[in-house]
């Protein structure tokens, strides 16, 4: 059986990886914004937001996770992306 301290180190490593991936996802906002401008789409694309939510709910269910809680997390990620796109377009007030 693993020691609690060993398990906590594994969790910390996973947390670091999750944060790294969130950074990667958020950094794609620049490319997304350019593509949206090129295609004449608004920053907040509700149709795409809904598609993301449906996709992650299905994946969560397949993985045996609470899809409602996963959707909450992705709601935050979508908000972060939208805020970053507004910032990049000069419309935001983020640092």
PDB file of N, CA and C in Angstrom:
ATOM      1  N   UNK A   1       0.850  -1.179   0.000  1.00  0.00           N
ATOM      2  CA  UNK A   1       0.000   0.000   0.000  1.00  0.00           C
ATOM      3  C   UNK A   1       0.898   1.246   0.000  1.00  0.00           C
ATOM      4  N   UNK A   2       0.494   2.240  -0.795  1.00  0.00           N
ATOM      5  CA  UNK A   2       1.246   3.491  -0.864  1.00  0.00           C
ATOM      6  C   UNK A   2       1.024   4.318   0.389  1.00  0.00           C
ATOM      7  N   UNK A   3       2.062   5.051   0.739  1.00  0.00           N
ATOM      8  CA  UNK A   3       1.944   5.993   1.847  1.00  0.00           C
ATOM      9  C   UNK A   3       1.148   7.207   1.382  1.00  0.00           C
ATOM     10  N   UNK A   4       0.496   7.844   2.327  1.00  0.00           N
ATOM     11  CA  UNK A   4      -0.277   9.048   2.031  1.00  0.00           C
ATOM     12  C   UNK A   4       0.600  10.114   1.389  1.00  0.00           C
ATOM     13  N   UNK A   5       1.814  10.267   1.868  1.00  0.00           N
ATOM     14  CA  UNK A   5       2.721  11.284   1.315  1.00  0.00           C
ATOM     15  C   UNK A   5       3.036  10.994  -0.152  1.00  0.00           C
ATOM     16  N   UNK A   6       3.151   9.732  -0.514  1.00  0.00           N
ATOM     17  CA  UNK A   6       3.408   9.350  -1.905  1.00  0.00           C
ATOM     18  C   UNK A   6       2.201   9.670  -2.798  1.00  0.00           C
ATOM     19  N   UNK A   7       1.041   9.400  -2.269  1.00  0.00           N
ATOM     20  CA  UNK A   7      -0.190   9.684  -3.015  1.00  0.00           C
ATOM     21  C   UNK A   7      -0.332  11.189  -3.227  1.00  0.00           C
ATOM     22  N   UNK A   8      -0.014  11.948  -2.207  1.00  0.00           N
ATOM     23  CA  UNK A   8      -0.111  13.409  -2.313  1.00  0.00           C
ATOM     24  C   UNK A   8       0.880  13.958  -3.335  1.00  0.00           C
ATOM     25  N   UNK A   9       2.046  13.348  -3.444  1.00  0.00           N
ATOM     26  CA  UNK A   9       3.010  13.764  -4.466  1.00  0.00           C
ATOM     27  C   UNK A   9       2.454  13.478  -5.859  1.00  0.00           C
ATOM     28  N   UNK A  10       1.816  12.331  -6.030  1.00  0.00           N
ATOM     29  CA  UNK A  10       1.180  12.003  -7.313  1.00  0.00           C
ATOM     30  C   UNK A  10       0.095  13.027  -7.655  1.00  0.00           C
ATOM     31  N   UNK A  11      -0.709  13.385  -6.659  1.00  0.00           N
ATOM     32  CA  UNK A  11      -1.768  14.380  -6.866  1.00  0.00           C
ATOM     33  C   UNK A  11      -1.163  15.725  -7.248  1.00  0.00           C
ATOM     34  N   UNK A  12      -0.100  16.121  -6.559  1.00  0.00           N
ATOM     35  CA  UNK A  12       0.562  17.386  -6.878  1.00  0.00           C
ATOM     36  C   UNK A  12       1.069  17.386  -8.318  1.00  0.00           C
ATOM     37  N   UNK A  13       1.641  16.269  -8.759  1.00  0.00           N
ATOM     38  CA  UNK A  13       2.126  16.175 -10.140  1.00  0.00           C
ATOM     39  C   UNK A  13       0.981  16.282 -11.141  1.00  0.00           C
ATOM     40  N   UNK A  14      -0.124  15.650 -10.830  1.00  0.00           N
ATOM     41  CA  UNK A  14      -1.300  15.740 -11.694  1.00  0.00           C
ATOM     42  C   UNK A  14      -1.820  17.175 -11.716  1.00  0.00           C
ATOM     43  N   UNK A  15      -1.857  17.830 -10.554  1.00  0.00           N
ATOM     44  CA  UNK A  15      -2.294  19.231 -10.483  1.00  0.00           C
ATOM     45  C   UNK A  15      -1.428  20.116 -11.363  1.00  0.00           C
ATOM     46  N   UNK A  16      -0.101  19.900 -11.317  1.00  0.00           N
ATOM     47  CA  UNK A  16       0.810  20.682 -12.165  1.00  0.00           C
ATOM     48  C   UNK A  16       0.499  20.463 -13.647  1.00  0.00           C
ATOM     49  N   UNK A  17       0.232  19.226 -14.007  1.00  0.00           N
ATOM     50  CA  UNK A  17      -0.083  18.909 -15.404  1.00  0.00           C
ATOM     51  C   UNK A  17      -1.406  19.538 -15.824  1.00  0.00           C
ATOM     52  N   UNK A  18      -2.392  19.492 -14.957  1.00  0.00           N
ATOM     53  CA  UNK A  18      -3.689  20.124 -15.259  1.00  0.00           C
ATOM     54  C   UNK A  18      -3.492  21.619 -15.481  1.00  0.00           C
ATOM     55  N   UNK A  19      -2.729  22.267 -14.628  1.00  0.00           N
ATOM     56  CA  UNK A  19      -2.503  23.709 -14.761  1.00  0.00           C
ATOM     57  C   UNK A  19      -1.738  24.010 -16.048  1.00  0.00           C
ATOM     58  N   UNK A  20      -0.758  23.181 -16.379  1.00  0.00           N
ATOM     59  CA  UNK A  20      -0.017  23.361 -17.634  1.00  0.00           C
ATOM     60  C   UNK A  20      -0.971  23.260 -18.831  1.00  0.00           C
ATOM     61  N   UNK A  21      -1.863  22.280 -18.795  1.00  0.00           N
ATOM     62  CA  UNK A  21      -2.821  22.105 -19.887  1.00  0.00           C
ATOM     63  C   UNK A  21      -3.828  23.264 -19.955  1.00  0.00           C
ATOM     64  N   UNK A  22      -4.239  23.779 -18.806  1.00  0.00           N
ATOM     65  CA  UNK A  22      -5.113  24.955 -18.798  1.00  0.00           C
ATOM     66  C   UNK A  22      -4.390  26.119 -19.461  1.00  0.00           C
ATOM     67  N   UNK A  23      -3.117  26.290 -19.157  1.00  0.00           N
ATOM     68  CA  UNK A  23      -2.326  27.338 -19.800  1.00  0.00           C
ATOM     69  C   UNK A  23      -2.262  27.145 -21.305  1.00  0.00           C
ATOM     70  N   UNK A  24      -2.024  25.918 -21.739  1.00  0.00           N
ATOM     71  CA  UNK A  24      -1.998  25.633 -23.176  1.00  0.00           C
ATOM     72  C   UNK A  24      -3.332  25.974 -23.828  1.00  0.00           C
ATOM     73  N   UNK A  25      -4.414  25.592 -23.168  1.00  0.00           N
ATOM     74  CA  UNK A  25      -5.753  25.850 -23.713  1.00  0.00           C
ATOM     75  C   UNK A  25      -6.014  27.352 -23.792  1.00  0.00           C
ATOM     76  N   UNK A  26      -5.674  28.063 -22.738  1.00  0.00           N
ATOM     77  CA  UNK A  26      -5.895  29.511 -22.698  1.00  0.00           C
ATOM     78  C   UNK A  26      -5.024  30.227 -23.724  1.00  0.00           C
ATOM     79  N   UNK A  27      -3.805  29.759 -23.918  1.00  0.00           N
ATOM     80  CA  UNK A  27      -2.916  30.381 -24.898  1.00  0.00           C
ATOM     81  C   UNK A  27      -3.408  30.232 -26.336  1.00  0.00           C
ATOM     82  N   UNK A  28      -4.261  29.273 -26.587  1.00  0.00           N
ATOM     83  CA  UNK A  28      -4.839  29.123 -27.926  1.00  0.00           C
ATOM     84  C   UNK A  28      -5.838  30.228 -28.247  1.00  0.00           C
ATOM     85  N   UNK A  29      -6.173  31.047 -27.255  1.00  0.00           N
ATOM     86  CA  UNK A  29      -7.142  32.131 -27.454  1.00  0.00           C
ATOM     87  C   UNK A  29      -6.700  33.069 -28.578  1.00  0.00           C
ATOM     88  N   UNK A  30      -5.400  33.306 -28.716  1.00  0.00           N
ATOM     89  CA  UNK A  30      -4.893  34.191 -29.769  1.00  0.00           C
ATOM     90  C   UNK A  30      -5.248  33.627 -31.150  1.00  0.00           C
ATOM     91  N   UNK A  31      -5.011  32.330 -31.340  1.00  0.00           N
ATOM     92  CA  UNK A  31      -5.329  31.696 -32.618  1.00  0.00           C
ATOM     93  C   UNK A  31      -6.834  31.657 -32.860  1.00  0.00           C
ATOM     94  N   UNK A  32      -7.580  31.369 -31.796  1.00  0.00           N
ATOM     95  CA  UNK A  32      -9.040  31.336 -31.915  1.00  0.00           C
ATOM     96  C   UNK A  32      -9.564  32.706 -32.305  1.00  0.00           C
ATOM     97  N   UNK A  33      -9.053  33.756 -31.674  1.00  0.00           N
ATOM     98  CA  UNK A  33      -9.494  35.118 -31.972  1.00  0.00           C
ATOM     99  C   UNK A  33      -9.208  35.468 -33.429  1.00  0.00           C
ATOM    100  N   UNK A  34      -8.021  35.147 -33.915  1.00  0.00           N
ATOM    101  CA  UNK A  34      -7.678  35.432 -35.318  1.00  0.00           C
ATOM    102  C   UNK A  34      -8.627  34.715 -36.264  1.00  0.00           C
ATOM    103  N   UNK A  35      -8.900  33.452 -35.988  1.00  0.00           N
ATOM    104  CA  UNK A  35      -9.802  32.676 -36.837  1.00  0.00           C
ATOM    105  C   UNK A  35     -11.221  33.240 -36.796  1.00  0.00           C
ATOM    106  N   UNK A  36     -11.679  33.626 -35.607  1.00  0.00           N
ATOM    107  CA  UNK A  36     -13.023  34.200 -35.489  1.00  0.00           C
ATOM    108  C   UNK A  36     -13.121  35.507 -36.261  1.00  0.00           C
ATOM    109  N   UNK A  37     -12.099  36.355 -36.160  1.00  0.00           N
ATOM    110  CA  UNK A  37     -12.107  37.617 -36.911  1.00  0.00           C
ATOM    111  C   UNK A  37     -12.147  37.336 -38.408  1.00  0.00           C
ATOM    112  N   UNK A  38     -11.349  36.375 -38.851  1.00  0.00           N
ATOM    113  CA  UNK A  38     -11.289  36.018 -40.270  1.00  0.00           C
ATOM    114  C   UNK A  38     -12.647  35.512 -40.767  1.00  0.00           C
ATOM    115  N   UNK A  39     -13.335  34.752 -39.922  1.00  0.00           N
ATOM    116  CA  UNK A  39     -14.621  34.169 -40.299  1.00  0.00           C
ATOM    117  C   UNK A  39     -15.806  35.063 -39.932  1.00  0.00           C
ATOM    118  N   UNK A  40     -15.526  36.221 -39.331  1.00  0.00           N
ATOM    119  CA  UNK A  40     -16.589  37.151 -38.978  1.00  0.00           C
ATOM    120  C   UNK A  40     -17.467  36.681 -37.832  1.00  0.00           C
ATOM    121  N   UNK A  41     -16.891  35.915 -36.933  1.00  0.00           N
ATOM    122  CA  UNK A  41     -17.653  35.400 -35.795  1.00  0.00           C
ATOM    123  C   UNK A  41     -17.393  36.247 -34.561  1.00  0.00           C
ATOM    124  N   UNK A  42     -18.374  36.329 -33.664  1.00  0.00           N
ATOM    125  CA  UNK A  42     -18.165  37.080 -32.421  1.00  0.00           C
ATOM    126  C   UNK A  42     -17.252  36.306 -31.483  1.00  0.00           C
ATOM    127  N   UNK A  43     -16.672  36.999 -30.526  1.00  0.00           N
ATOM    128  CA  UNK A  43     -15.802  36.348 -29.547  1.00  0.00           C
ATOM    129  C   UNK A  43     -16.573  35.284 -28.778  1.00  0.00           C
ATOM    130  N   UNK A  44     -17.754  35.627 -28.294  1.00  0.00           N
ATOM    131  CA  UNK A  44     -18.552  34.660 -27.546  1.00  0.00           C
ATOM    132  C   UNK A  44     -19.458  33.914 -28.516  1.00  0.00           C
ATOM    133  N   UNK A  45     -19.063  32.708 -28.861  1.00  0.00           N
ATOM    134  CA  UNK A  45     -19.786  31.866 -29.815  1.00  0.00           C
ATOM    135  C   UNK A  45     -20.601  30.838 -29.026  1.00  0.00           C
ATOM    136  N   UNK A  46     -21.829  31.188 -28.738  1.00  0.00           N
ATOM    137  CA  UNK A  46     -22.683  30.337 -27.890  1.00  0.00           C
ATOM    138  C   UNK A  46     -22.865  28.935 -28.466  1.00  0.00           C
ATOM    139  N   UNK A  47     -22.954  28.833 -29.783  1.00  0.00           N
ATOM    140  CA  UNK A  47     -23.127  27.515 -30.421  1.00  0.00           C
ATOM    141  C   UNK A  47     -21.918  26.630 -30.118  1.00  0.00           C
ATOM    142  N   UNK A  48     -20.720  27.191 -30.223  1.00  0.00           N
ATOM    143  CA  UNK A  48     -19.509  26.428 -29.917  1.00  0.00           C
ATOM    144  C   UNK A  48     -19.410  26.123 -28.430  1.00  0.00           C
ATOM    145  N   UNK A  49     -19.775  27.080 -27.599  1.00  0.00           N
ATOM    146  CA  UNK A  49     -19.759  26.839 -26.152  1.00  0.00           C
ATOM    147  C   UNK A  49     -20.636  25.642 -25.804  1.00  0.00           C
ATOM    148  N   UNK A  50     -21.812  25.594 -26.401  1.00  0.00           N
ATOM    149  CA  UNK A  50     -22.737  24.484 -26.143  1.00  0.00           C
ATOM    150  C   UNK A  50     -22.163  23.168 -26.650  1.00  0.00           C
ATOM    151  N   UNK A  51     -21.515  23.198 -27.815  1.00  0.00           N
ATOM    152  CA  UNK A  51     -20.903  21.984 -28.357  1.00  0.00           C
ATOM    153  C   UNK A  51     -19.807  21.465 -27.422  1.00  0.00           C
ATOM    154  N   UNK A  52     -19.016  22.380 -26.870  1.00  0.00           N
ATOM    155  CA  UNK A  52     -17.964  21.987 -25.922  1.00  0.00           C
ATOM    156  C   UNK A  52     -18.592  21.350 -24.689  1.00  0.00           C
ATOM    157  N   UNK A  53     -19.640  21.970 -24.176  1.00  0.00           N
ATOM    158  CA  UNK A  53     -20.293  21.444 -22.972  1.00  0.00           C
ATOM    159  C   UNK A  53     -20.885  20.055 -23.215  1.00  0.00           C
ATOM    160  N   UNK A  54     -21.489  19.857 -24.362  1.00  0.00           N
ATOM    161  CA  UNK A  54     -22.036  18.533 -24.673  1.00  0.00           C
ATOM    162  C   UNK A  54     -20.917  17.503 -24.806  1.00  0.00           C
ATOM    163  N   UNK A  55     -19.837  17.898 -25.482  1.00  0.00           N
ATOM    164  CA  UNK A  55     -18.707  16.986 -25.676  1.00  0.00           C
ATOM    165  C   UNK A  55     -18.109  16.577 -24.333  1.00  0.00           C
ATOM    166  N   UNK A  56     -17.845  17.554 -23.456  1.00  0.00           N
ATOM    167  CA  UNK A  56     -17.194  17.218 -22.183  1.00  0.00           C
ATOM    168  C   UNK A  56     -18.131  16.437 -21.261  1.00  0.00           C
ATOM    169  N   UNK A  57     -19.417  16.696 -21.349  1.00  0.00           N
ATOM    170  CA  UNK A  57     -20.376  15.922 -20.548  1.00  0.00           C
ATOM    171  C   UNK A  57     -20.350  14.463 -20.978  1.00  0.00           C
ATOM    172  N   UNK A  58     -20.291  14.233 -22.279  1.00  0.00           N
ATOM    173  CA  UNK A  58     -20.235  12.854 -22.787  1.00  0.00           C
ATOM    174  C   UNK A  58     -18.942  12.162 -22.375  1.00  0.00           C
ATOM    175  N   UNK A  59     -17.820  12.880 -22.491  1.00  0.00           N
ATOM    176  CA  UNK A  59     -16.533  12.301 -22.104  1.00  0.00           C
ATOM    177  C   UNK A  59     -16.522  12.003 -20.609  1.00  0.00           C
ATOM    178  N   UNK A  60     -17.053  12.913 -19.816  1.00  0.00           N
ATOM    179  CA  UNK A  60     -17.098  12.708 -18.361  1.00  0.00           C
ATOM    180  C   UNK A  60     -17.903  11.457 -18.033  1.00  0.00           C
ATOM    181  N   UNK A  61     -19.038  11.303 -18.681  1.00  0.00           N
ATOM    182  CA  UNK A  61     -19.887  10.136 -18.445  1.00  0.00           C
ATOM    183  C   UNK A  61     -19.147   8.856 -18.816  1.00  0.00           C
ATOM    184  N   UNK A  62     -18.461   8.887 -19.970  1.00  0.00           N
ATOM    185  CA  UNK A  62     -17.676   7.721 -20.393  1.00  0.00           C
ATOM    186  C   UNK A  62     -16.599   7.366 -19.372  1.00  0.00           C
ATOM    187  N   UNK A  63     -16.066   8.371 -18.701  1.00  0.00           N
ATOM    188  CA  UNK A  63     -14.991   8.168 -17.719  1.00  0.00           C
ATOM    189  C   UNK A  63     -15.517   7.910 -16.311  1.00  0.00           C
ATOM    190  N   UNK A  64     -16.829   7.879 -16.155  1.00  0.00           N
ATOM    191  CA  UNK A  64     -17.421   7.624 -14.848  1.00  0.00           C
ATOM    192  C   UNK A  64     -17.360   8.805 -13.902  1.00  0.00           C
ATOM    193  N   UNK A  65     -17.280  10.025 -14.475  1.00  0.00           N
ATOM    194  CA  UNK A  65     -17.225  11.238 -13.666  1.00  0.00           C
ATOM    195  C   UNK A  65     -18.578  11.935 -13.667  1.00  0.00           C
ATOM    196  N   UNK A  66     -18.786  12.792 -12.702  1.00  0.00           N
ATOM    197  CA  UNK A  66     -20.009  13.586 -12.602  1.00  0.00           C
ATOM    198  C   UNK A  66     -19.991  14.639 -13.712  1.00  0.00           C
ATOM    199  N   UNK A  67     -20.834  14.463 -14.726  1.00  0.00           N
ATOM    200  CA  UNK A  67     -20.813  15.361 -15.879  1.00  0.00           C
ATOM    201  C   UNK A  67     -21.193  16.788 -15.497  1.00  0.00           C
ATOM    202  N   UNK A  68     -22.039  16.954 -14.504  1.00  0.00           N
ATOM    203  CA  UNK A  68     -22.421  18.294 -14.053  1.00  0.00           C
ATOM    204  C   UNK A  68     -21.241  19.055 -13.481  1.00  0.00           C
ATOM    205  N   UNK A  69     -20.432  18.383 -12.698  1.00  0.00           N
ATOM    206  CA  UNK A  69     -19.255  19.019 -12.110  1.00  0.00           C
ATOM    207  C   UNK A  69     -18.201  19.308 -13.174  1.00  0.00           C
ATOM    208  N   UNK A  70     -18.026  18.395 -14.115  1.00  0.00           N
ATOM    209  CA  UNK A  70     -17.076  18.617 -15.208  1.00  0.00           C
ATOM    210  C   UNK A  70     -17.530  19.803 -16.050  1.00  0.00           C
ATOM    211  N   UNK A  71     -18.832  19.923 -16.281  1.00  0.00           N
ATOM    212  CA  UNK A  71     -19.356  21.066 -17.047  1.00  0.00           C
ATOM    213  C   UNK A  71     -19.080  22.380 -16.311  1.00  0.00           C
ATOM    214  N   UNK A  72     -19.131  22.369 -14.990  1.00  0.00           N
ATOM    215  CA  UNK A  72     -18.802  23.583 -14.224  1.00  0.00           C
ATOM    216  C   UNK A  72     -17.355  23.990 -14.482  1.00  0.00           C
ATOM    217  N   UNK A  73     -16.466  23.012 -14.463  1.00  0.00           N
ATOM    218  CA  UNK A  73     -15.046  23.288 -14.712  1.00  0.00           C
ATOM    219  C   UNK A  73     -14.872  23.869 -16.112  1.00  0.00           C
ATOM    220  N   UNK A  74     -15.516  23.276 -17.086  1.00  0.00           N
ATOM    221  CA  UNK A  74     -15.365  23.754 -18.453  1.00  0.00           C
ATOM    222  C   UNK A  74     -16.071  25.087 -18.680  1.00  0.00           C
ATOM    223  N   UNK A  75     -17.085  25.368 -17.888  1.00  0.00           N
ATOM    224  CA  UNK A  75     -17.681  26.703 -17.939  1.00  0.00           C
ATOM    225  C   UNK A  75     -16.654  27.757 -17.557  1.00  0.00           C
ATOM    226  N   UNK A  76     -15.855  27.446 -16.550  1.00  0.00           N
ATOM    227  CA  UNK A  76     -14.779  28.362 -16.125  1.00  0.00           C
ATOM    228  C   UNK A  76     -13.725  28.473 -17.221  1.00  0.00           C
ATOM    229  N   UNK A  77     -13.344  27.355 -17.828  1.00  0.00           N
ATOM    230  CA  UNK A  77     -12.340  27.382 -18.894  1.00  0.00           C
ATOM    231  C   UNK A  77     -12.813  28.191 -20.096  1.00  0.00           C
ATOM    232  N   UNK A  78     -14.075  28.037 -20.457  1.00  0.00           N
ATOM    233  CA  UNK A  78     -14.634  28.814 -21.568  1.00  0.00           C
ATOM    234  C   UNK A  78     -14.608  30.298 -21.217  1.00  0.00           C
ATOM    235  N   UNK A  79     -14.997  30.623 -19.987  1.00  0.00           N
ATOM    236  CA  UNK A  79     -14.975  32.024 -19.539  1.00  0.00           C
ATOM    237  C   UNK A  79     -13.563  32.588 -19.614  1.00  0.00           C
ATOM    238  N   UNK A  80     -12.568  31.810 -19.190  1.00  0.00           N
ATOM    239  CA  UNK A  80     -11.184  32.256 -19.251  1.00  0.00           C
ATOM    240  C   UNK A  80     -10.755  32.529 -20.692  1.00  0.00           C
ATOM    241  N   UNK A  81     -11.165  31.670 -21.602  1.00  0.00           N
ATOM    242  CA  UNK A  81     -10.818  31.843 -23.010  1.00  0.00           C
ATOM    243  C   UNK A  81     -11.471  33.089 -23.590  1.00  0.00           C
ATOM    244  N   UNK A  82     -12.734  33.288 -23.276  1.00  0.00           N
ATOM    245  CA  UNK A  82     -13.456  34.465 -23.762  1.00  0.00           C
ATOM    246  C   UNK A  82     -12.811  35.737 -23.209  1.00  0.00           C
ATOM    247  N   UNK A  83     -12.488  35.742 -21.920  1.00  0.00           N
ATOM    248  CA  UNK A  83     -11.832  36.910 -21.311  1.00  0.00           C
ATOM    249  C   UNK A  83     -10.489  37.183 -21.981  1.00  0.00           C
ATOM    250  N   UNK A  84      -9.739  36.122 -22.256  1.00  0.00           N
ATOM    251  CA  UNK A  84      -8.433  36.292 -22.902  1.00  0.00           C
ATOM    252  C   UNK A  84      -8.601  36.849 -24.316  1.00  0.00           C
ATOM    253  N   UNK A  85      -9.600  36.381 -25.040  1.00  0.00           N
ATOM    254  CA  UNK A  85      -9.848  36.889 -26.388  1.00  0.00           C
ATOM    255  C   UNK A  85     -10.238  38.366 -26.354  1.00  0.00           C
ATOM    256  N   UNK A  86     -11.053  38.749 -25.383  1.00  0.00           N
ATOM    257  CA  UNK A  86     -11.412  40.159 -25.228  1.00  0.00           C
ATOM    258  C   UNK A  86     -10.163  40.990 -24.927  1.00  0.00           C
ATOM    259  N   UNK A  87      -9.327  40.478 -24.045  1.00  0.00           N
ATOM    260  CA  UNK A  87      -8.087  41.172 -23.710  1.00  0.00           C
ATOM    261  C   UNK A  87      -7.221  41.358 -24.961  1.00  0.00           C
ATOM    262  N   UNK A  88      -7.051  40.300 -25.728  1.00  0.00           N
ATOM    263  CA  UNK A  88      -6.212  40.338 -26.929  1.00  0.00           C
ATOM    264  C   UNK A  88      -6.782  41.277 -27.998  1.00  0.00           C
ATOM    265  N   UNK A  89      -8.099  41.420 -28.004  1.00  0.00           N
ATOM    266  CA  UNK A  89      -8.735  42.287 -28.998  1.00  0.00           C
ATOM    267  C   UNK A  89      -8.738  43.745 -28.551  1.00  0.00           C
ATOM    268  N   UNK A  90      -8.261  44.001 -27.312  1.00  0.00           N
ATOM    269  CA  UNK A  90      -8.251  45.357 -26.784  1.00  0.00           C
ATOM    270  C   UNK A  90      -9.529  45.751 -26.080  1.00  0.00           C
ATOM    271  N   UNK A  91     -10.446  44.799 -25.946  1.00  0.00           N
ATOM    272  CA  UNK A  91     -11.742  45.081 -25.313  1.00  0.00           C
ATOM    273  C   UNK A  91     -11.760  44.742 -23.822  1.00  0.00           C
ATOM    274  N   UNK A  92     -10.785  43.992 -23.356  1.00  0.00           N
ATOM    275  CA  UNK A  92     -10.814  43.519 -21.976  1.00  0.00           C
ATOM    276  C   UNK A  92     -10.109  44.466 -21.031  1.00  0.00           C
ATOM    277  N   UNK A  93     -10.201  44.126 -19.761  1.00  0.00           N
ATOM    278  CA  UNK A  93      -9.518  44.921 -18.744  1.00  0.00           C
ATOM    279  C   UNK A  93      -8.624  44.057 -17.869  1.00  0.00           C
ATOM    280  N   UNK A  94      -8.189  42.925 -18.433  1.00  0.00           N
ATOM    281  CA  UNK A  94      -7.291  42.047 -17.704  1.00  0.00           C
ATOM    282  C   UNK A  94      -5.857  42.508 -17.909  1.00  0.00           C
ATOM    283  N   UNK A  95      -4.979  42.174 -16.973  1.00  0.00           N
ATOM    284  CA  UNK A  95      -3.562  42.563 -17.117  1.00  0.00           C
ATOM    285  C   UNK A  95      -2.896  41.841 -18.286  1.00  0.00           C
TER     286      UNK A  95
END
